[in-house]
Amino acid sequence: MTALAALQIEEAKDEVIKLTDVPPDGATALIPEPLSSDPEDTISIFISDFLVVDNVRLGDLDEGFYRHNIEKEHLLQHSGPARVFRYIIFTYAGNPSESDIIKYTIQHS
């Protein structure tokens, strides 16, 4: 099975997330459109295997991406080098598809 494309963090630069660049309500995870998806599918997002977005509706596409908020508190709790970000999409039928990983360094400033 082919993994889904890795997410991107909109506020990151060169795979570094500076918390001073993240709005108070959190960072935006950009989820690339999978080959087959439905707005009713759900997504869970993980940082270093900790669940930070729990089974929310995929929603509507915006310029080829689904957008989901990762609360700033979660980024603060996981600050440090090479944190692994990944997600799982659950189809309406309940079948999971997991993404490739991407590593971001989370810095306070």
PDB file of N, CA and C in Angstrom:
ATOM      1  N   MET A   1       0.836  -1.174   0.000  1.00  0.00           N
ATOM      2  CA  MET A   1       0.000   0.000   0.000  1.00  0.00           C
ATOM      3  C   MET A   1       0.889   1.249   0.000  1.00  0.00           C
ATOM      4  N   THR A   2       0.543   2.212  -0.837  1.00  0.00           N
ATOM      5  CA  THR A   2       1.286   3.461  -0.930  1.00  0.00           C
ATOM      6  C   THR A   2       0.828   4.423   0.152  1.00  0.00           C
ATOM      7  N   ALA A   3       1.782   5.029   0.823  1.00  0.00           N
ATOM      8  CA  ALA A   3       1.448   5.999   1.869  1.00  0.00           C
ATOM      9  C   ALA A   3       0.973   7.303   1.232  1.00  0.00           C
ATOM     10  N   LEU A   4       0.145   8.018   1.970  1.00  0.00           N
ATOM     11  CA  LEU A   4      -0.303   9.342   1.541  1.00  0.00           C
ATOM     12  C   LEU A   4       0.857  10.330   1.656  1.00  0.00           C
ATOM     13  N   ALA A   5       0.802  11.392   0.877  1.00  0.00           N
ATOM     14  CA  ALA A   5       1.842  12.425   0.931  1.00  0.00           C
ATOM     15  C   ALA A   5       1.888  13.059   2.319  1.00  0.00           C
ATOM     16  N   ALA A   6       3.075  13.417   2.751  1.00  0.00           N
ATOM     17  CA  ALA A   6       3.264  14.042   4.060  1.00  0.00           C
ATOM     18  C   ALA A   6       2.541  15.392   4.134  1.00  0.00           C
ATOM     19  N   LEU A   7       2.124  15.743   5.331  1.00  0.00           N
ATOM     20  CA  LEU A   7       1.514  17.055   5.546  1.00  0.00           C
ATOM     21  C   LEU A   7       2.575  18.147   5.491  1.00  0.00           C
ATOM     22  N   GLN A   8       2.130  19.368   5.417  1.00  0.00           N
ATOM     23  CA  GLN A   8       3.005  20.538   5.503  1.00  0.00           C
ATOM     24  C   GLN A   8       2.441  21.450   6.586  1.00  0.00           C
ATOM     25  N   ILE A   9       3.314  22.149   7.270  1.00  0.00           N
ATOM     26  CA  ILE A   9       2.872  23.152   8.237  1.00  0.00           C
ATOM     27  C   ILE A   9       3.054  24.514   7.581  1.00  0.00           C
ATOM     28  N   GLU A  10       1.947  25.225   7.425  1.00  0.00           N
ATOM     29  CA  GLU A  10       1.950  26.489   6.696  1.00  0.00           C
ATOM     30  C   GLU A  10       2.934  27.512   7.275  1.00  0.00           C
ATOM     31  N   GLU A  11       3.075  27.557   8.590  1.00  0.00           N
ATOM     32  CA  GLU A  11       3.917  28.559   9.248  1.00  0.00           C
ATOM     33  C   GLU A  11       5.396  28.166   9.301  1.00  0.00           C
ATOM     34  N   ALA A  12       5.737  26.959   8.872  1.00  0.00           N
ATOM     35  CA  ALA A  12       7.123  26.482   8.946  1.00  0.00           C
ATOM     36  C   ALA A  12       7.968  27.059   7.815  1.00  0.00           C
ATOM     37  N   LYS A  13       9.249  27.215   8.108  1.00  0.00           N
ATOM     38  CA  LYS A  13      10.232  27.627   7.106  1.00  0.00           C
ATOM     39  C   LYS A  13      11.398  26.656   7.208  1.00  0.00           C
ATOM     40  N   ASP A  14      11.739  26.023   6.094  1.00  0.00           N
ATOM     41  CA  ASP A  14      12.855  25.063   6.061  1.00  0.00           C
ATOM     42  C   ASP A  14      12.717  23.993   7.147  1.00  0.00           C
ATOM     43  N   GLU A  15      11.508  23.479   7.304  1.00  0.00           N
ATOM     44  CA  GLU A  15      11.181  22.418   8.267  1.00  0.00           C
ATOM     45  C   GLU A  15      11.453  22.817   9.717  1.00  0.00           C
ATOM     46  N   VAL A  16      11.332  24.115   9.986  1.00  0.00           N
ATOM     47  CA  VAL A  16      11.426  24.648  11.347  1.00  0.00           C
ATOM     48  C   VAL A  16      10.149  25.428  11.640  1.00  0.00           C
ATOM     49  N   ILE A  17       9.522  25.101  12.766  1.00  0.00           N
ATOM     50  CA  ILE A  17       8.345  25.833  13.235  1.00  0.00           C
ATOM     51  C   ILE A  17       8.793  26.681  14.413  1.00  0.00           C
ATOM     52  N   LYS A  18       8.751  27.991  14.242  1.00  0.00           N
ATOM     53  CA  LYS A  18       9.071  28.902  15.345  1.00  0.00           C
ATOM     54  C   LYS A  18       7.750  29.301  15.980  1.00  0.00           C
ATOM     55  N   LEU A  19       7.611  29.040  17.262  1.00  0.00           N
ATOM     56  CA  LEU A  19       6.350  29.328  17.940  1.00  0.00           C
ATOM     57  C   LEU A  19       5.998  30.807  17.888  1.00  0.00           C
ATOM     58  N   THR A  20       6.982  31.672  17.732  1.00  0.00           N
ATOM     59  CA  THR A  20       6.695  33.107  17.606  1.00  0.00           C
ATOM     60  C   THR A  20       6.021  33.423  16.268  1.00  0.00           C
ATOM     61  N   ASP A  21       6.131  32.514  15.291  1.00  0.00           N
ATOM     62  CA  ASP A  21       5.479  32.704  13.989  1.00  0.00           C
ATOM     63  C   ASP A  21       4.101  32.048  13.913  1.00  0.00           C
ATOM     64  N   VAL A  22       3.715  31.355  14.964  1.00  0.00           N
ATOM     65  CA  VAL A  22       2.434  30.633  14.987  1.00  0.00           C
ATOM     66  C   VAL A  22       1.383  31.506  15.652  1.00  0.00           C
ATOM     67  N   PRO A  23       0.217  31.694  15.011  1.00  0.00           N
ATOM     68  CA  PRO A  23      -0.853  32.482  15.633  1.00  0.00           C
ATOM     69  C   PRO A  23      -1.302  31.865  16.960  1.00  0.00           C
ATOM     70  N   PRO A  24      -1.948  32.652  17.819  1.00  0.00           N
ATOM     71  CA  PRO A  24      -2.391  32.149  19.127  1.00  0.00           C
ATOM     72  C   PRO A  24      -3.266  30.898  19.055  1.00  0.00           C
ATOM     73  N   ASP A  25      -4.076  30.763  18.000  1.00  0.00           N
ATOM     74  CA  ASP A  25      -4.959  29.600  17.921  1.00  0.00           C
ATOM     75  C   ASP A  25      -4.268  28.371  17.331  1.00  0.00           C
ATOM     76  N   GLY A  26      -3.026  28.498  16.853  1.00  0.00           N
ATOM     77  CA  GLY A  26      -2.275  27.334  16.411  1.00  0.00           C
ATOM     78  C   GLY A  26      -1.790  27.401  14.979  1.00  0.00           C
ATOM     79  N   ALA A  27      -1.102  26.341  14.583  1.00  0.00           N
ATOM     80  CA  ALA A  27      -0.522  26.232  13.247  1.00  0.00           C
ATOM     81  C   ALA A  27      -1.502  25.526  12.309  1.00  0.00           C
ATOM     82  N   THR A  28      -1.326  25.772  11.016  1.00  0.00           N
ATOM     83  CA  THR A  28      -2.184  25.163  10.011  1.00  0.00           C
ATOM     84  C   THR A  28      -1.475  23.985   9.358  1.00  0.00           C
ATOM     85  N   ALA A  29      -2.056  22.802   9.511  1.00  0.00           N
ATOM     86  CA  ALA A  29      -1.558  21.616   8.820  1.00  0.00           C
ATOM     87  C   ALA A  29      -2.236  21.549   7.456  1.00  0.00           C
ATOM     88  N   LEU A  30      -1.428  21.500   6.409  1.00  0.00           N
ATOM     89  CA  LEU A  30      -1.940  21.387   5.048  1.00  0.00           C
ATOM     90  C   LEU A  30      -1.839  19.928   4.632  1.00  0.00           C
ATOM     91  N   ILE A  31      -2.978  19.333   4.373  1.00  0.00           N
ATOM     92  CA  ILE A  31      -3.048  17.923   3.999  1.00  0.00           C
ATOM     93  C   ILE A  31      -3.285  17.840   2.496  1.00  0.00           C
ATOM     94  N   PRO A  32      -2.318  17.304   1.736  1.00  0.00           N
ATOM     95  CA  PRO A  32      -2.508  17.206   0.288  1.00  0.00           C
ATOM     96  C   PRO A  32      -3.700  16.312  -0.054  1.00  0.00           C
ATOM     97  N   GLU A  33      -4.409  16.679  -1.110  1.00  0.00           N
ATOM     98  CA  GLU A  33      -5.579  15.905  -1.516  1.00  0.00           C
ATOM     99  C   GLU A  33      -5.165  14.486  -1.918  1.00  0.00           C
ATOM    100  N   PRO A  34      -5.720  13.474  -1.262  1.00  0.00           N
ATOM    101  CA  PRO A  34      -5.432  12.098  -1.666  1.00  0.00           C
ATOM    102  C   PRO A  34      -6.128  11.785  -3.003  1.00  0.00           C
ATOM    103  N   LEU A  35      -5.725  10.697  -3.638  1.00  0.00           N
ATOM    104  CA  LEU A  35      -6.336  10.319  -4.910  1.00  0.00           C
ATOM    105  C   LEU A  35      -7.836  10.120  -4.777  1.00  0.00           C
ATOM    106  N   SER A  36      -8.246   9.549  -3.660  1.00  0.00           N
ATOM    107  CA  SER A  36      -9.663   9.301  -3.430  1.00  0.00           C
ATOM    108  C   SER A  36     -10.013   9.792  -2.033  1.00  0.00           C
ATOM    109  N   SER A  37     -10.915  10.752  -1.947  1.00  0.00           N
ATOM    110  CA  SER A  37     -11.326  11.242  -0.635  1.00  0.00           C
ATOM    111  C   SER A  37     -12.738  11.787  -0.723  1.00  0.00           C
ATOM    112  N   ASP A  38     -13.327  11.941   0.436  1.00  0.00           N
ATOM    113  CA  ASP A  38     -14.685  12.442   0.554  1.00  0.00           C
ATOM    114  C   ASP A  38     -14.693  13.417   1.731  1.00  0.00           C
ATOM    115  N   PRO A  39     -15.412  14.530   1.641  1.00  0.00           N
ATOM    116  CA  PRO A  39     -15.448  15.476   2.770  1.00  0.00           C
ATOM    117  C   PRO A  39     -15.914  14.849   4.080  1.00  0.00           C
ATOM    118  N   GLU A  40     -16.606  13.704   3.995  1.00  0.00           N
ATOM    119  CA  GLU A  40     -17.077  13.035   5.212  1.00  0.00           C
ATOM    120  C   GLU A  40     -16.015  12.128   5.832  1.00  0.00           C
ATOM    121  N   ASP A  41     -14.912  11.883   5.123  1.00  0.00           N
ATOM    122  CA  ASP A  41     -13.811  11.118   5.709  1.00  0.00           C
ATOM    123  C   ASP A  41     -13.290  11.887   6.921  1.00  0.00           C
ATOM    124  N   THR A  42     -12.595  11.209   7.812  1.00  0.00           N
ATOM    125  CA  THR A  42     -12.055  11.870   9.002  1.00  0.00           C
ATOM    126  C   THR A  42     -10.537  11.750   9.028  1.00  0.00           C
ATOM    127  N   ILE A  43      -9.926  12.624   9.816  1.00  0.00           N
ATOM    128  CA  ILE A  43      -8.469  12.667   9.916  1.00  0.00           C
ATOM    129  C   ILE A  43      -8.043  12.755  11.371  1.00  0.00           C
ATOM    130  N   SER A  44      -6.935  12.097  11.672  1.00  0.00           N
ATOM    131  CA  SER A  44      -6.252  12.242  12.952  1.00  0.00           C
ATOM    132  C   SER A  44      -4.814  12.618  12.646  1.00  0.00           C
ATOM    133  N   ILE A  45      -4.264  13.567  13.403  1.00  0.00           N
ATOM    134  CA  ILE A  45      -2.902  14.039  13.191  1.00  0.00           C
ATOM    135  C   ILE A  45      -2.091  13.773  14.457  1.00  0.00           C
ATOM    136  N   PHE A  46      -0.845  13.362  14.241  1.00  0.00           N
ATOM    137  CA  PHE A  46       0.038  12.978  15.340  1.00  0.00           C
ATOM    138  C   PHE A  46       1.347  13.759  15.273  1.00  0.00           C
ATOM    139  N   ILE A  47       1.870  14.117  16.445  1.00  0.00           N
ATOM    140  CA  ILE A  47       3.234  14.627  16.583  1.00  0.00           C
ATOM    141  C   ILE A  47       3.957  13.625  17.472  1.00  0.00           C
ATOM    142  N   SER A  48       5.009  13.012  16.933  1.00  0.00           N
ATOM    143  CA  SER A  48       5.795  12.022  17.681  1.00  0.00           C
ATOM    144  C   SER A  48       4.890  10.993  18.355  1.00  0.00           C
ATOM    145  N   ASP A  49       3.934  10.483  17.601  1.00  0.00           N
ATOM    146  CA  ASP A  49       2.977   9.455  18.025  1.00  0.00           C
ATOM    147  C   ASP A  49       1.981   9.897  19.100  1.00  0.00           C
ATOM    148  N   PHE A  50       1.909  11.191  19.385  1.00  0.00           N
ATOM    149  CA  PHE A  50       0.882  11.716  20.284  1.00  0.00           C
ATOM    150  C   PHE A  50      -0.231  12.319  19.431  1.00  0.00           C
ATOM    151  N   LEU A  51      -1.442  11.924  19.711  1.00  0.00           N
ATOM    152  CA  LEU A  51      -2.607  12.406  18.974  1.00  0.00           C
ATOM    153  C   LEU A  51      -2.858  13.868  19.302  1.00  0.00           C
ATOM    154  N   VAL A  52      -2.851  14.735  18.268  1.00  0.00           N
ATOM    155  CA  VAL A  52      -3.070  16.166  18.496  1.00  0.00           C
ATOM    156  C   VAL A  52      -4.318  16.692  17.786  1.00  0.00           C
ATOM    157  N   VAL A  53      -4.813  15.959  16.794  1.00  0.00           N
ATOM    158  CA  VAL A  53      -6.100  16.249  16.147  1.00  0.00           C
ATOM    159  C   VAL A  53      -6.826  14.912  16.101  1.00  0.00           C
ATOM    160  N   ASP A  54      -7.974  14.840  16.748  1.00  0.00           N
ATOM    161  CA  ASP A  54      -8.633  13.556  16.971  1.00  0.00           C
ATOM    162  C   ASP A  54      -9.863  13.359  16.095  1.00  0.00           C
ATOM    163  N   ASN A  55      -9.687  12.620  15.006  1.00  0.00           N
ATOM    164  CA  ASN A  55     -10.805  12.102  14.220  1.00  0.00           C
ATOM    165  C   ASN A  55     -11.828  13.182  13.843  1.00  0.00           C
ATOM    166  N   VAL A  56     -11.357  14.256  13.212  1.00  0.00           N
ATOM    167  CA  VAL A  56     -12.254  15.320  12.763  1.00  0.00           C
ATOM    168  C   VAL A  56     -12.570  15.147  11.281  1.00  0.00           C
ATOM    169  N   ARG A  57     -13.695  15.693  10.865  1.00  0.00           N
ATOM    170  CA  ARG A  57     -14.125  15.612   9.469  1.00  0.00           C
ATOM    171  C   ARG A  57     -13.085  16.245   8.565  1.00  0.00           C
ATOM    172  N   LEU A  58     -12.800  15.619   7.433  1.00  0.00           N
ATOM    173  CA  LEU A  58     -11.789  16.120   6.496  1.00  0.00           C
ATOM    174  C   LEU A  58     -12.148  17.502   5.988  1.00  0.00           C
ATOM    175  N   GLY A  59     -13.409  17.732   5.681  1.00  0.00           N
ATOM    176  CA  GLY A  59     -13.861  19.059   5.271  1.00  0.00           C
ATOM    177  C   GLY A  59     -13.702  19.315   3.791  1.00  0.00           C
ATOM    178  N   ASP A  60     -13.627  20.590   3.437  1.00  0.00           N
ATOM    179  CA  ASP A  60     -13.575  21.007   2.038  1.00  0.00           C
ATOM    180  C   ASP A  60     -12.154  21.321   1.614  1.00  0.00           C
ATOM    181  N   LEU A  61     -11.866  21.058   0.351  1.00  0.00           N
ATOM    182  CA  LEU A  61     -10.558  21.367  -0.216  1.00  0.00           C
ATOM    183  C   LEU A  61     -10.381  22.872  -0.375  1.00  0.00           C
ATOM    184  N   ASP A  62      -9.159  23.334  -0.163  1.00  0.00           N
ATOM    185  CA  ASP A  62      -8.806  24.732  -0.358  1.00  0.00           C
ATOM    186  C   ASP A  62      -7.477  24.748  -1.119  1.00  0.00           C
ATOM    187  N   GLU A  63      -7.546  25.047  -2.413  1.00  0.00           N
ATOM    188  CA  GLU A  63      -6.363  25.096  -3.268  1.00  0.00           C
ATOM    189  C   GLU A  63      -5.550  23.802  -3.215  1.00  0.00           C
ATOM    190  N   GLY A  64      -6.245  22.663  -3.256  1.00  0.00           N
ATOM    191  CA  GLY A  64      -5.579  21.361  -3.293  1.00  0.00           C
ATOM    192  C   GLY A  64      -5.200  20.778  -1.947  1.00  0.00           C
ATOM    193  N   PHE A  65      -5.572  21.457  -0.870  1.00  0.00           N
ATOM    194  CA  PHE A  65      -5.245  20.987   0.476  1.00  0.00           C
ATOM    195  C   PHE A  65      -6.478  21.003   1.374  1.00  0.00           C
ATOM    196  N   TYR A  66      -6.470  20.092   2.342  1.00  0.00           N
ATOM    197  CA  TYR A  66      -7.382  20.186   3.475  1.00  0.00           C
ATOM    198  C   TYR A  66      -6.600  20.905   4.558  1.00  0.00           C
ATOM    199  N   ARG A  67      -7.241  21.822   5.274  1.00  0.00           N
ATOM    200  CA  ARG A  67      -6.571  22.616   6.308  1.00  0.00           C
ATOM    201  C   ARG A  67      -7.110  22.225   7.681  1.00  0.00           C
ATOM    202  N   HIS A  68      -6.171  21.947   8.579  1.00  0.00           N
ATOM    203  CA  HIS A  68      -6.557  21.590   9.954  1.00  0.00           C
ATOM    204  C   HIS A  68      -5.635  22.290  10.938  1.00  0.00           C
ATOM    205  N   ASN A  69      -6.225  22.763  12.011  1.00  0.00           N
ATOM    206  CA  ASN A  69      -5.500  23.501  13.036  1.00  0.00           C
ATOM    207  C   ASN A  69      -4.851  22.545  14.039  1.00  0.00           C
ATOM    208  N   ILE A  70      -3.580  22.821  14.343  1.00  0.00           N
ATOM    209  CA  ILE A  70      -2.888  22.139  15.443  1.00  0.00           C
ATOM    210  C   ILE A  70      -2.675  23.189  16.516  1.00  0.00           C
ATOM    211  N   GLU A  71      -3.289  22.989  17.666  1.00  0.00           N
ATOM    212  CA  GLU A  71      -3.237  23.983  18.733  1.00  0.00           C
ATOM    213  C   GLU A  71      -1.793  24.286  19.130  1.00  0.00           C
ATOM    214  N   LYS A  72      -1.549  25.549  19.418  1.00  0.00           N
ATOM    215  CA  LYS A  72      -0.206  25.994  19.793  1.00  0.00           C
ATOM    216  C   LYS A  72       0.294  25.253  21.031  1.00  0.00           C
ATOM    217  N   GLU A  73      -0.614  24.939  21.938  1.00  0.00           N
ATOM    218  CA  GLU A  73      -0.254  24.194  23.148  1.00  0.00           C
ATOM    219  C   GLU A  73       0.405  22.857  22.805  1.00  0.00           C
ATOM    220  N   HIS A  74      -0.120  22.165  21.781  1.00  0.00           N
ATOM    221  CA  HIS A  74       0.469  20.889  21.370  1.00  0.00           C
ATOM    222  C   HIS A  74       1.880  21.086  20.825  1.00  0.00           C
ATOM    223  N   LEU A  75       2.075  22.153  20.065  1.00  0.00           N
ATOM    224  CA  LEU A  75       3.415  22.434  19.536  1.00  0.00           C
ATOM    225  C   LEU A  75       4.375  22.734  20.678  1.00  0.00           C
ATOM    226  N   LEU A  76       3.925  23.498  21.652  1.00  0.00           N
ATOM    227  CA  LEU A  76       4.757  23.834  22.808  1.00  0.00           C
ATOM    228  C   LEU A  76       5.147  22.564  23.579  1.00  0.00           C
ATOM    229  N   GLN A  77       4.189  21.659  23.760  1.00  0.00           N
ATOM    230  CA  GLN A  77       4.457  20.411  24.487  1.00  0.00           C
ATOM    231  C   GLN A  77       5.455  19.517  23.760  1.00  0.00           C
ATOM    232  N   HIS A  78       5.567  19.681  22.444  1.00  0.00           N
ATOM    233  CA  HIS A  78       6.438  18.811  21.652  1.00  0.00           C
ATOM    234  C   HIS A  78       7.631  19.563  21.069  1.00  0.00           C
ATOM    235  N   SER A  79       7.981  20.704  21.665  1.00  0.00           N
ATOM    236  CA  SER A  79       9.091  21.480  21.120  1.00  0.00           C
ATOM    237  C   SER A  79      10.387  20.672  21.205  1.00  0.00           C
ATOM    238  N   GLY A  80      11.252  20.925  20.224  1.00  0.00           N
ATOM    239  CA  GLY A  80      12.523  20.222  20.153  1.00  0.00           C
ATOM    240  C   GLY A  80      12.842  19.849  18.717  1.00  0.00           C
ATOM    241  N   PRO A  81      13.980  19.189  18.522  1.00  0.00           N
ATOM    242  CA  PRO A  81      14.428  18.862  17.164  1.00  0.00           C
ATOM    243  C   PRO A  81      13.732  17.629  16.585  1.00  0.00           C
ATOM    244  N   ALA A  82      13.567  17.641  15.282  1.00  0.00           N
ATOM    245  CA  ALA A  82      13.149  16.478  14.482  1.00  0.00           C
ATOM    246  C   ALA A  82      11.915  15.762  15.029  1.00  0.00           C
ATOM    247  N   ARG A  83      10.852  16.513  15.286  1.00  0.00           N
ATOM    248  CA  ARG A  83       9.591  15.913  15.731  1.00  0.00           C
ATOM    249  C   ARG A  83       8.879  15.323  14.511  1.00  0.00           C
ATOM    250  N   VAL A  84       8.382  14.113  14.661  1.00  0.00           N
ATOM    251  CA  VAL A  84       7.746  13.394  13.552  1.00  0.00           C
ATOM    252  C   VAL A  84       6.266  13.759  13.476  1.00  0.00           C
ATOM    253  N   PHE A  85       5.844  14.252  12.308  1.00  0.00           N
ATOM    254  CA  PHE A  85       4.444  14.579  12.047  1.00  0.00           C
ATOM    255  C   PHE A  85       3.901  13.572  11.044  1.00  0.00           C
ATOM    256  N   ARG A  86       2.693  13.094  11.305  1.00  0.00           N
ATOM    257  CA  ARG A  86       2.028  12.187  10.374  1.00  0.00           C
ATOM    258  C   ARG A  86       0.527  12.278  10.608  1.00  0.00           C
ATOM    259  N   TYR A  87      -0.233  11.716   9.683  1.00  0.00           N
ATOM    260  CA  TYR A  87      -1.690  11.711   9.836  1.00  0.00           C
ATOM    261  C   TYR A  87      -2.261  10.411   9.292  1.00  0.00           C
ATOM    262  N   ILE A  88      -3.486  10.137   9.685  1.00  0.00           N
ATOM    263  CA  ILE A  88      -4.243   8.990   9.183  1.00  0.00           C
ATOM    264  C   ILE A  88      -5.603   9.509   8.728  1.00  0.00           C
ATOM    265  N   ILE A  89      -5.993   9.139   7.526  1.00  0.00           N
ATOM    266  CA  ILE A  89      -7.335   9.444   7.034  1.00  0.00           C
ATOM    267  C   ILE A  89      -8.156   8.167   7.101  1.00  0.00           C
ATOM    268  N   PHE A  90      -9.329   8.287   7.697  1.00  0.00           N
ATOM    269  CA  PHE A  90     -10.268   7.170   7.785  1.00  0.00           C
ATOM    270  C   PHE A  90     -11.398   7.445   6.802  1.00  0.00           C
ATOM    271  N   THR A  91     -11.573   6.546   5.849  1.00  0.00           N
ATOM    272  CA  THR A  91     -12.644   6.734   4.877  1.00  0.00           C
ATOM    273  C   THR A  91     -13.987   6.593   5.566  1.00  0.00           C
ATOM    274  N   TYR A  92     -15.006   7.049   4.870  1.00  0.00           N
ATOM    275  CA  TYR A  92     -16.361   6.946   5.396  1.00  0.00           C
ATOM    276  C   TYR A  92     -16.687   5.502   5.781  1.00  0.00           C
ATOM    277  N   ALA A  93     -16.108   4.540   5.051  1.00  0.00           N
ATOM    278  CA  ALA A  93     -16.310   3.115   5.348  1.00  0.00           C
ATOM    279  C   ALA A  93     -15.449   2.641   6.510  1.00  0.00           C
ATOM    280  N   GLY A  94     -14.540   3.508   7.002  1.00  0.00           N
ATOM    281  CA  GLY A  94     -13.722   3.156   8.161  1.00  0.00           C
ATOM    282  C   GLY A  94     -12.336   2.651   7.833  1.00  0.00           C
ATOM    283  N   ASN A  95     -11.961   2.621   6.562  1.00  0.00           N
ATOM    284  CA  ASN A  95     -10.643   2.121   6.179  1.00  0.00           C
ATOM    285  C   ASN A  95      -9.579   3.202   6.399  1.00  0.00           C
ATOM    286  N   PRO A  96      -8.484   2.858   7.109  1.00  0.00           N
ATOM    287  CA  PRO A  96      -7.442   3.859   7.370  1.00  0.00           C
ATOM    288  C   PRO A  96      -6.379   3.890   6.270  1.00  0.00           C
ATOM    289  N   SER A  97      -5.878   5.099   5.990  1.00  0.00           N
ATOM    290  CA  SER A  97      -4.722   5.296   5.114  1.00  0.00           C
ATOM    291  C   SER A  97      -3.763   6.210   5.851  1.00  0.00           C
ATOM    292  N   GLU A  98      -2.514   5.785   5.981  1.00  0.00           N
ATOM    293  CA  GLU A  98      -1.530   6.546   6.745  1.00  0.00           C
ATOM    294  C   GLU A  98      -0.602   7.317   5.812  1.00  0.00           C
ATOM    295  N   SER A  99      -0.141   8.456   6.286  1.00  0.00           N
ATOM    296  CA  SER A  99       0.741   9.318   5.494  1.00  0.00           C
ATOM    297  C   SER A  99       2.204   8.954   5.699  1.00  0.00           C
ATOM    298  N   ASP A 100       3.027   9.458   4.779  1.00  0.00           N
ATOM    299  CA  ASP A 100       4.462   9.488   5.015  1.00  0.00           C
ATOM    300  C   ASP A 100       4.705  10.419   6.191  1.00  0.00           C
ATOM    301  N   ILE A 101       5.863  10.288   6.808  1.00  0.00           N
ATOM    302  CA  ILE A 101       6.214  11.194   7.910  1.00  0.00           C
ATOM    303  C   ILE A 101       6.994  12.383   7.367  1.00  0.00           C
ATOM    304  N   ILE A 102       6.994  13.438   8.144  1.00  0.00           N
ATOM    305  CA  ILE A 102       7.869  14.580   7.912  1.00  0.00           C
ATOM    306  C   ILE A 102       8.345  15.030   9.284  1.00  0.00           C
ATOM    307  N   LYS A 103       9.582  15.479   9.347  1.00  0.00           N
ATOM    308  CA  LYS A 103      10.138  15.934  10.623  1.00  0.00           C
ATOM    309  C   LYS A 103      10.264  17.447  10.609  1.00  0.00           C
ATOM    310  N   TYR A 104       9.773  18.051  11.690  1.00  0.00           N
ATOM    311  CA  TYR A 104       9.900  19.487  11.907  1.00  0.00           C
ATOM    312  C   TYR A 104      10.591  19.711  13.242  1.00  0.00           C
ATOM    313  N   THR A 105      11.451  20.695  13.279  1.00  0.00           N
ATOM    314  CA  THR A 105      12.018  21.171  14.538  1.00  0.00           C
ATOM    315  C   THR A 105      11.093  22.267  15.042  1.00  0.00           C
ATOM    316  N   ILE A 106      10.686  22.159  16.298  1.00  0.00           N
ATOM    317  CA  ILE A 106       9.795  23.152  16.900  1.00  0.00           C
ATOM    318  C   ILE A 106      10.593  23.972  17.895  1.00  0.00           C
ATOM    319  N   GLN A 107      10.728  25.265  17.588  1.00  0.00           N
ATOM    320  CA  GLN A 107      11.527  26.168  18.429  1.00  0.00           C
ATOM    321  C   GLN A 107      10.632  27.207  19.093  1.00  0.00           C
ATOM    322  N   HIS A 108      11.071  27.667  20.257  1.00  0.00           N
ATOM    323  CA  HIS A 108      10.308  28.707  20.954  1.00  0.00           C
ATOM    324  C   HIS A 108      10.400  30.050  20.245  1.00  0.00           C
ATOM    325  N   SER A 109      11.553  30.339  19.627  1.00  0.00           N
ATOM    326  CA  SER A 109      11.709  31.605  18.896  1.00  0.00           C
ATOM    327  C   SER A 109      12.717  31.458  17.783  1.00  0.00           C
TER     328      SER A 109
END
